[in-house]
Amino acid sequence: MGDMSGFRDAVGRWAADGTEGTEGADGPAGARARELAVVLGLRTAVLLEGPSDLAAVEALAALRGRDLAAEGVCVVAMGGAMSIARYAALLGPPGLGLRLGGLCDERERPFYDRGLHRAGAPLGGFFVCVADLEDELIRALGTARVEEAVENGGDGRAWQTFLRQPAQHGRPRREQLRRFLGTKKGRKIRYGRLLVEALEPGRVPAPLDGLLTSL
């Protein structure tokens, strides 16, 4: 089987190089992405805003015994919601012709609606988080379980230091936890996986469960 990380890298370069996602207009990165899509037998691309969402999706797939790559599914972190039009054009009907799915935050939904419409891709494969996936996971687990995960993850001292900051006084615990996860580079990615692994089977947030079920 080909290299899924190589496909992701090629798509990232393709998205950055400014060429169009149409046959005959690809640069080297686009040509490589097309080649690997065939080698890998890809049929679906899951478009996610960032690497923490990717970590959560892959963690849930692993817990459910699924090998997304073997199923022809590639999970891609776009580097921001504003990139949806570009990635949908490259990977969807105008480009590689893959079925598209993913997650989006409620506040970013207009960007997704416009970008997917421009690419001629259906909206039904995208599942909406009220705030973001971290907030969905915190609400599903409850704040006590999230704090336990933070302690077990080796960040207990950093969490207590964070809580002593004046800006955090009086804020709801859920908001404090959500902010804490984003205060250090790489922390959201690590807890994207750890919080999913802490979930009970019946407590998976609806957007995340809906996405995995749809693939």
Protein backbone atom coordinates (compact mmCIF):
# COMPACT_ATOMS: atom_id res chain seq x y z
CA MET A 1 0.00 0.00 0.00
CA GLY A 2 1.22 3.52 -0.74
CA ASP A 3 2.16 6.18 1.75
CA MET A 4 -0.81 8.01 3.32
CA SER A 5 1.43 10.59 4.97
CA GLY A 6 3.00 11.18 1.57
CA PHE A 7 -0.44 11.82 0.13
CA ARG A 8 -1.21 14.32 2.88
CA ASP A 9 2.08 16.09 2.27
CA ALA A 10 1.44 16.25 -1.46
CA VAL A 11 -2.06 17.65 -0.90
CA GLY A 12 -0.69 20.27 1.49
CA ARG A 13 1.87 21.40 -1.10
CA TRP A 14 -0.78 21.31 -3.83
CA ALA A 15 -3.09 23.50 -1.77
CA ALA A 16 -0.29 26.00 -1.21
CA ASP A 17 1.06 26.24 -4.75
CA GLY A 18 -1.87 28.08 -6.34
CA THR A 19 -2.58 25.67 -9.21
CA GLU A 20 -6.12 24.69 -9.97
CA GLY A 21 -7.56 21.29 -9.15
CA THR A 22 -8.44 20.48 -12.75
CA GLU A 23 -6.94 17.87 -15.05
CA GLY A 24 -3.96 19.28 -16.91
CA ALA A 25 -3.41 22.21 -14.54
CA ASP A 26 -1.60 20.38 -11.74
CA GLY A 27 1.94 21.14 -10.68
CA PRO A 28 4.25 18.41 -9.36
CA ALA A 29 2.46 18.22 -6.01
CA GLY A 30 -0.93 17.81 -7.68
CA ALA A 31 0.41 15.13 -9.98
CA ARG A 32 1.88 13.30 -6.99
CA ALA A 33 -1.40 13.55 -5.07
CA ARG A 34 -3.27 12.06 -8.04
CA GLU A 35 -0.76 9.24 -8.33
CA LEU A 36 -0.96 8.37 -4.65
CA ALA A 37 -4.76 8.59 -4.59
CA VAL A 38 -4.84 5.81 -7.15
CA VAL A 39 -2.16 3.72 -5.42
CA LEU A 40 -3.94 4.06 -2.07
CA GLY A 41 -7.37 3.33 -3.53
CA LEU A 42 -8.82 6.47 -1.99
CA ARG A 43 -12.54 7.04 -2.19
CA THR A 44 -13.16 9.55 0.62
CA ALA A 45 -11.35 12.57 2.08
CA VAL A 46 -12.22 13.75 5.58
CA LEU A 47 -11.50 17.48 5.81
CA LEU A 48 -10.75 18.79 9.29
CA GLU A 49 -9.75 22.22 10.49
CA GLY A 50 -6.60 21.21 12.34
CA PRO A 51 -4.39 18.40 13.70
CA SER A 52 -6.22 18.11 17.05
CA ASP A 53 -9.41 17.19 15.20
CA LEU A 54 -7.42 14.72 13.12
CA ALA A 55 -6.01 13.12 16.27
CA ALA A 56 -9.51 12.73 17.72
CA VAL A 57 -10.96 11.19 14.55
CA GLU A 58 -8.10 8.72 14.20
CA ALA A 59 -8.31 7.81 17.91
CA LEU A 60 -12.02 7.03 17.67
CA ALA A 61 -11.49 5.00 14.50
CA ALA A 62 -8.80 2.95 16.28
CA LEU A 63 -11.07 2.38 19.30
CA ARG A 64 -13.73 1.05 16.95
CA GLY A 65 -11.27 -1.27 15.25
CA ARG A 66 -11.31 0.56 11.95
CA ASP A 67 -8.38 1.09 9.61
CA LEU A 68 -9.46 4.15 7.66
CA ALA A 69 -6.52 4.00 5.26
CA ALA A 70 -7.38 0.41 4.36
CA GLU A 71 -10.97 1.54 3.76
CA GLY A 72 -9.80 4.17 1.27
CA VAL A 73 -10.34 7.09 3.63
CA CYS A 74 -7.76 9.83 4.11
CA VAL A 75 -8.09 12.26 7.02
CA VAL A 76 -6.64 15.68 6.18
CA ALA A 77 -5.93 18.68 8.43
CA MET A 78 -6.45 21.81 6.32
CA GLY A 79 -4.80 24.34 8.62
CA GLY A 80 -7.93 26.41 9.16
CA ALA A 81 -11.58 26.67 8.16
CA MET A 82 -10.82 29.32 5.55
CA SER A 83 -9.08 26.64 3.47
CA ILE A 84 -12.24 24.60 2.89
CA ALA A 85 -12.94 26.00 -0.60
CA ARG A 86 -9.42 25.20 -1.74
CA TYR A 87 -9.33 21.67 -0.34
CA ALA A 88 -12.84 20.88 -1.57
CA ALA A 89 -11.84 21.97 -5.07
CA LEU A 90 -8.68 19.86 -5.04
CA LEU A 91 -10.05 16.70 -3.46
CA GLY A 92 -13.74 16.88 -4.40
CA PRO A 93 -15.53 16.76 -7.78
CA PRO A 94 -13.38 19.40 -9.57
CA GLY A 95 -10.12 17.67 -8.57
CA LEU A 96 -9.57 14.09 -7.45
CA GLY A 97 -13.29 13.33 -7.39
CA LEU A 98 -13.29 11.96 -3.85
CA ARG A 99 -16.33 11.91 -1.62
CA LEU A 100 -15.91 14.61 1.04
CA GLY A 101 -16.80 14.59 4.71
CA GLY A 102 -15.63 16.27 7.86
CA LEU A 103 -16.34 18.40 10.90
CA CYS A 104 -16.91 22.12 11.16
CA ASP A 105 -17.62 24.61 13.94
CA GLU A 106 -20.98 26.36 13.92
CA ARG A 107 -19.40 29.80 13.54
CA GLU A 108 -17.44 28.59 10.49
CA ARG A 109 -20.39 26.97 8.78
CA PRO A 110 -20.92 29.79 6.22
CA PHE A 111 -17.37 29.23 4.89
CA TYR A 112 -18.07 25.52 4.51
CA ASP A 113 -21.44 26.11 2.85
CA ARG A 114 -19.89 28.42 0.26
CA GLY A 115 -16.75 26.38 -0.30
CA LEU A 116 -18.55 23.08 -0.74
CA HIS A 117 -21.20 24.66 -2.97
CA ARG A 118 -18.50 26.07 -5.24
CA ALA A 119 -16.89 22.63 -5.48
CA GLY A 120 -20.20 20.94 -6.23
CA ALA A 121 -19.83 18.79 -3.13
CA PRO A 122 -22.82 17.81 -0.95
CA LEU A 123 -23.05 19.26 2.55
CA GLY A 124 -24.43 16.09 4.14
CA GLY A 125 -21.03 14.59 4.89
CA PHE A 126 -20.09 17.41 7.28
CA PHE A 127 -21.09 17.42 10.95
CA VAL A 128 -21.32 20.60 12.98
CA CYS A 129 -19.81 21.20 16.44
CA VAL A 130 -21.52 23.90 18.51
CA ALA A 131 -18.25 25.62 19.47
CA ASP A 132 -15.48 23.21 18.47
CA LEU A 133 -14.58 19.57 18.94
CA GLU A 134 -12.71 20.22 22.21
CA ASP A 135 -15.87 21.73 23.67
CA GLU A 136 -17.90 18.75 22.46
CA LEU A 137 -15.47 16.36 24.16
CA ILE A 138 -15.44 18.33 27.41
CA ARG A 139 -19.25 18.35 27.55
CA ALA A 140 -19.42 14.63 26.74
CA LEU A 141 -16.91 13.67 29.43
CA GLY A 142 -17.84 16.23 32.08
CA THR A 143 -15.29 18.57 33.61
CA ALA A 144 -14.25 16.19 36.38
CA ARG A 145 -13.26 13.49 33.89
CA VAL A 146 -11.38 16.00 31.76
CA GLU A 147 -9.45 17.25 34.79
CA GLU A 148 -8.62 13.63 35.59
CA ALA A 149 -7.33 13.18 32.03
CA VAL A 150 -5.23 16.34 32.38
CA GLU A 151 -3.74 15.00 35.63
CA ASN A 152 -3.07 11.58 34.09
CA GLY A 153 -1.59 13.28 31.04
CA GLY A 154 1.09 14.90 33.18
CA ASP A 155 -0.30 18.44 33.04
CA GLY A 156 -1.76 18.66 36.55
CA ARG A 157 0.75 21.24 37.79
CA ALA A 158 0.37 23.37 34.65
CA TRP A 159 -3.41 23.21 35.08
CA GLN A 160 -3.24 24.45 38.68
CA THR A 161 -0.92 27.27 37.65
CA PHE A 162 -3.31 28.19 34.86
CA LEU A 163 -6.26 28.36 37.28
CA ARG A 164 -4.41 30.88 39.44
CA GLN A 165 -4.23 33.38 36.58
CA PRO A 166 -6.47 36.41 37.28
CA ALA A 167 -8.12 36.08 33.87
CA GLN A 168 -9.47 32.65 34.84
CA HIS A 169 -11.11 33.70 38.11
CA GLY A 170 -14.87 33.26 37.95
CA ARG A 171 -14.93 31.62 34.53
CA PRO A 172 -16.96 28.41 34.11
CA ARG A 173 -14.84 25.27 34.44
CA ARG A 174 -15.69 24.13 30.93
CA GLU A 175 -14.38 27.37 29.45
CA GLN A 176 -11.25 27.18 31.59
CA LEU A 177 -10.51 23.67 30.38
CA ARG A 178 -11.14 24.57 26.76
CA ARG A 179 -8.78 27.54 27.04
CA PHE A 180 -6.14 25.49 28.85
CA LEU A 181 -6.01 22.91 26.07
CA GLY A 182 -5.03 25.63 23.63
CA THR A 183 -2.36 27.37 25.72
CA LYS A 184 0.63 25.23 24.69
CA LYS A 185 1.68 24.06 21.24
CA GLY A 186 0.80 20.42 20.71
CA ARG A 187 -1.45 20.16 23.78
CA LYS A 188 -4.72 20.20 21.80
CA ILE A 189 -3.38 17.47 19.53
CA ARG A 190 -2.40 15.22 22.44
CA TYR A 191 -5.69 15.73 24.27
CA GLY A 192 -7.65 15.26 21.07
CA ARG A 193 -6.53 11.65 21.38
CA LEU A 194 -6.56 11.32 25.19
CA LEU A 195 -10.07 12.71 25.65
CA VAL A 196 -11.49 10.41 22.98
CA GLU A 197 -9.80 7.44 24.65
CA ALA A 198 -11.42 8.46 27.96
CA LEU A 199 -14.95 8.41 26.49
CA GLU A 200 -17.42 5.68 27.33
CA PRO A 201 -18.82 4.07 24.16
CA GLY A 202 -22.24 5.68 24.53
CA ARG A 203 -20.86 9.16 25.24
CA VAL A 204 -19.15 9.99 21.95
CA PRO A 205 -20.15 13.53 20.84
CA ALA A 206 -22.80 13.43 18.13
CA PRO A 207 -20.75 15.21 15.42
CA LEU A 208 -17.77 12.89 15.88
CA ASP A 209 -19.94 9.78 16.08
CA GLY A 210 -21.92 10.88 13.02
CA LEU A 211 -18.77 11.43 11.00
CA LEU A 212 -17.27 8.02 11.79
CA THR A 213 -20.57 6.28 11.17
CA SER A 214 -20.91 7.96 7.78
CA LEU A 215 -17.54 6.78 6.48
